[in-house]
Amino acid sequence: MDVKRVRGLRALVEDVVEHGTTAVERVHLTLAARPFAVLQAIPPLAAPSRDVHVAYEAWVSGVYGMVRVGNRVVGRVAEAVIDLAERREAPPAADPGARTLPTQMDVAPSQL
């Protein structure tokens, strides 16, 4: 597989995890809001359930946020590994200042 395809695949997986996590978080918070709304409609439970709801949303958002941070970290590590692999596969660059031994083709018959 060529490096461009590997880089593209890495970016695609990172985007899928990023956007998928955000979509699941949104659904999670939307579904959880329903029972909290019911509890908040009951006067004696309204204030405590509102506090719990705020704490719950902060906790859930924090967890999904950490998944996204981890995804970005893994993406950067993968990019570094791809860079390293690409450098290892590339032929060494010629050093213009390096001296090389002449080959048979480099030596004229008069120089023998």
C-alpha atoms as a PDB file:
ATOM      1  CA  MET A   1       0.000   0.000   0.000  1.00  0.00           C
ATOM      2  CA  ASP A   2       1.463   3.365  -0.895  1.00  0.00           C
ATOM      3  CA  VAL A   3       2.046   6.080   1.700  1.00  0.00           C
ATOM      4  CA  LYS A   4      -0.641   8.420   0.332  1.00  0.00           C
ATOM      5  CA  ARG A   5      -3.272   5.728   0.797  1.00  0.00           C
ATOM      6  CA  VAL A   6      -2.078   4.941   4.315  1.00  0.00           C
ATOM      7  CA  ARG A   7      -2.166   8.654   5.218  1.00  0.00           C
ATOM      8  CA  GLY A   8      -5.646   8.943   3.723  1.00  0.00           C
ATOM      9  CA  LEU A   9      -6.854   5.905   5.640  1.00  0.00           C
ATOM     10  CA  ARG A  10      -5.434   7.319   8.876  1.00  0.00           C
ATOM     11  CA  ALA A  11      -7.221  10.636   8.290  1.00  0.00           C
ATOM     12  CA  LEU A  12     -10.465   8.858   7.398  1.00  0.00           C
ATOM     13  CA  VAL A  13     -10.426   6.725  10.549  1.00  0.00           C
ATOM     14  CA  GLU A  14      -9.639   9.778  12.683  1.00  0.00           C
ATOM     15  CA  ASP A  15     -12.534  11.720  11.112  1.00  0.00           C
ATOM     16  CA  VAL A  16     -14.948   8.804  11.549  1.00  0.00           C
ATOM     17  CA  VAL A  17     -14.090   8.480  15.232  1.00  0.00           C
ATOM     18  CA  GLU A  18     -14.273  12.270  15.740  1.00  0.00           C
ATOM     19  CA  HIS A  19     -17.648  12.754  14.062  1.00  0.00           C
ATOM     20  CA  GLY A  20     -19.067   9.434  15.252  1.00  0.00           C
ATOM     21  CA  THR A  21     -18.224  10.265  18.846  1.00  0.00           C
ATOM     22  CA  THR A  22     -19.852  13.674  18.537  1.00  0.00           C
ATOM     23  CA  ALA A  23     -23.013  12.159  17.017  1.00  0.00           C
ATOM     24  CA  VAL A  24     -23.268   9.474  19.719  1.00  0.00           C
ATOM     25  CA  GLU A  25     -22.702  12.087  22.434  1.00  0.00           C
ATOM     26  CA  ARG A  26     -25.551  14.193  21.046  1.00  0.00           C
ATOM     27  CA  VAL A  27     -27.916  11.191  20.980  1.00  0.00           C
ATOM     28  CA  HIS A  28     -26.801  10.141  24.460  1.00  0.00           C
ATOM     29  CA  LEU A  29     -27.521  13.584  25.922  1.00  0.00           C
ATOM     30  CA  THR A  30     -30.843  13.871  24.084  1.00  0.00           C
ATOM     31  CA  LEU A  31     -32.065  10.493  25.348  1.00  0.00           C
ATOM     32  CA  ALA A  32     -30.903  11.197  28.893  1.00  0.00           C
ATOM     33  CA  ALA A  33     -32.711  14.560  28.913  1.00  0.00           C
ATOM     34  CA  ARG A  34     -36.142  12.859  28.796  1.00  0.00           C
ATOM     35  CA  PRO A  35     -36.135  11.242  32.263  1.00  0.00           C
ATOM     36  CA  PHE A  36     -34.520  14.356  33.733  1.00  0.00           C
ATOM     37  CA  ALA A  37     -37.351  16.458  32.260  1.00  0.00           C
ATOM     38  CA  VAL A  38     -39.899  14.188  33.943  1.00  0.00           C
ATOM     39  CA  LEU A  39     -38.112  14.467  37.282  1.00  0.00           C
ATOM     40  CA  GLN A  40     -37.782  18.243  36.955  1.00  0.00           C
ATOM     41  CA  ALA A  41     -41.558  18.497  36.432  1.00  0.00           C
ATOM     42  CA  ILE A  42     -42.110  17.139  39.962  1.00  0.00           C
ATOM     43  CA  PRO A  43     -41.749  20.163  42.295  1.00  0.00           C
ATOM     44  CA  PRO A  44     -39.927  18.481  45.204  1.00  0.00           C
ATOM     45  CA  LEU A  45     -37.485  16.828  42.785  1.00  0.00           C
ATOM     46  CA  ALA A  46     -37.005  19.754  40.398  1.00  0.00           C
ATOM     47  CA  ALA A  47     -33.992  21.410  42.025  1.00  0.00           C
ATOM     48  CA  PRO A  48     -32.002  18.268  42.891  1.00  0.00           C
ATOM     49  CA  SER A  49     -32.719  16.619  39.549  1.00  0.00           C
ATOM     50  CA  ARG A  50     -31.630  19.780  37.740  1.00  0.00           C
ATOM     51  CA  ASP A  51     -28.315  19.700  39.655  1.00  0.00           C
ATOM     52  CA  VAL A  52     -27.841  16.019  38.871  1.00  0.00           C
ATOM     53  CA  HIS A  53     -28.713  16.657  35.220  1.00  0.00           C
ATOM     54  CA  VAL A  54     -26.074  19.409  34.947  1.00  0.00           C
ATOM     55  CA  ALA A  55     -23.461  17.177  36.601  1.00  0.00           C
ATOM     56  CA  TYR A  56     -24.456  14.240  34.392  1.00  0.00           C
ATOM     57  CA  GLU A  57     -24.147  16.278  31.180  1.00  0.00           C
ATOM     58  CA  ALA A  58     -20.740  17.589  32.275  1.00  0.00           C
ATOM     59  CA  TRP A  59     -19.543  14.054  33.038  1.00  0.00           C
ATOM     60  CA  VAL A  60     -20.851  12.622  29.746  1.00  0.00           C
ATOM     61  CA  SER A  61     -19.400  15.494  27.718  1.00  0.00           C
ATOM     62  CA  GLY A  62     -16.079  15.051  29.516  1.00  0.00           C
ATOM     63  CA  VAL A  63     -15.941  11.351  28.689  1.00  0.00           C
ATOM     64  CA  TYR A  64     -16.753  11.896  25.011  1.00  0.00           C
ATOM     65  CA  GLY A  65     -14.303  14.799  24.937  1.00  0.00           C
ATOM     66  CA  MET A  66     -11.544  12.528  26.246  1.00  0.00           C
ATOM     67  CA  VAL A  67     -12.376   9.962  23.553  1.00  0.00           C
ATOM     68  CA  ARG A  68     -11.909  12.712  20.952  1.00  0.00           C
ATOM     69  CA  VAL A  69      -8.625  13.850  22.546  1.00  0.00           C
ATOM     70  CA  GLY A  70      -7.377  10.254  22.591  1.00  0.00           C
ATOM     71  CA  ASN A  71      -8.385   9.897  18.958  1.00  0.00           C
ATOM     72  CA  ARG A  72      -6.335  12.959  18.012  1.00  0.00           C
ATOM     73  CA  VAL A  73      -3.331  11.697  19.981  1.00  0.00           C
ATOM     74  CA  VAL A  74      -3.523   8.305  18.295  1.00  0.00           C
ATOM     75  CA  GLY A  75      -3.851  10.070  14.932  1.00  0.00           C
ATOM     76  CA  ARG A  76      -0.685  12.107  15.567  1.00  0.00           C
ATOM     77  CA  VAL A  77       1.240   9.026  16.699  1.00  0.00           C
ATOM     78  CA  ALA A  78       0.075   7.143  13.604  1.00  0.00           C
ATOM     79  CA  GLU A  79       1.193  10.051  11.417  1.00  0.00           C
ATOM     80  CA  ALA A  80       4.634  10.007  13.074  1.00  0.00           C
ATOM     81  CA  VAL A  81       4.917   6.247  12.519  1.00  0.00           C
ATOM     82  CA  ILE A  82       3.954   6.686   8.862  1.00  0.00           C
ATOM     83  CA  ASP A  83       6.579   9.437   8.510  1.00  0.00           C
ATOM     84  CA  LEU A  84       9.215   7.188  10.086  1.00  0.00           C
ATOM     85  CA  ALA A  85       8.296   4.245   7.860  1.00  0.00           C
ATOM     86  CA  GLU A  86       8.392   6.486   4.801  1.00  0.00           C
ATOM     87  CA  ARG A  87      11.872   7.743   5.706  1.00  0.00           C
ATOM     88  CA  ARG A  88      13.135   4.191   6.286  1.00  0.00           C
ATOM     89  CA  GLU A  89      11.881   3.073   2.878  1.00  0.00           C
ATOM     90  CA  ALA A  90      13.302   6.067   1.018  1.00  0.00           C
ATOM     91  CA  PRO A  91      16.780   5.661  -0.466  1.00  0.00           C
ATOM     92  CA  PRO A  92      19.426   7.668   1.385  1.00  0.00           C
ATOM     93  CA  ALA A  93      19.919  11.124  -0.039  1.00  0.00           C
ATOM     94  CA  ALA A  94      23.200  11.654  -1.835  1.00  0.00           C
ATOM     95  CA  ASP A  95      25.645  13.836   0.059  1.00  0.00           C
ATOM     96  CA  PRO A  96      27.006  16.349  -2.471  1.00  0.00           C
ATOM     97  CA  GLY A  97      30.182  16.829  -0.417  1.00  0.00           C
ATOM     98  CA  ALA A  98      30.938  13.128  -0.043  1.00  0.00           C
ATOM     99  CA  ARG A  99      33.844  11.666  -1.978  1.00  0.00           C
ATOM    100  CA  THR A 100      33.217   8.520  -3.923  1.00  0.00           C
ATOM    101  CA  LEU A 101      35.649   6.084  -5.415  1.00  0.00           C
ATOM    102  CA  PRO A 102      35.799   6.210  -9.205  1.00  0.00           C
ATOM    103  CA  THR A 103      34.252   3.335 -11.065  1.00  0.00           C
ATOM    104  CA  GLN A 104      35.552   1.839 -14.245  1.00  0.00           C
ATOM    105  CA  MET A 105      33.202   4.053 -16.237  1.00  0.00           C
ATOM    106  CA  ASP A 106      34.530   7.174 -14.463  1.00  0.00           C
ATOM    107  CA  VAL A 107      38.183   6.568 -15.441  1.00  0.00           C
ATOM    108  CA  ALA A 108      39.331   7.467 -18.932  1.00  0.00           C
ATOM    109  CA  PRO A 109      41.876   5.105 -20.541  1.00  0.00           C
ATOM    110  CA  SER A 110      44.506   7.858 -20.510  1.00  0.00           C
ATOM    111  CA  GLN A 111      44.237   8.056 -16.704  1.00  0.00           C
ATOM    112  CA  LEU A 112      45.204   4.392 -16.231  1.00  0.00           C
END
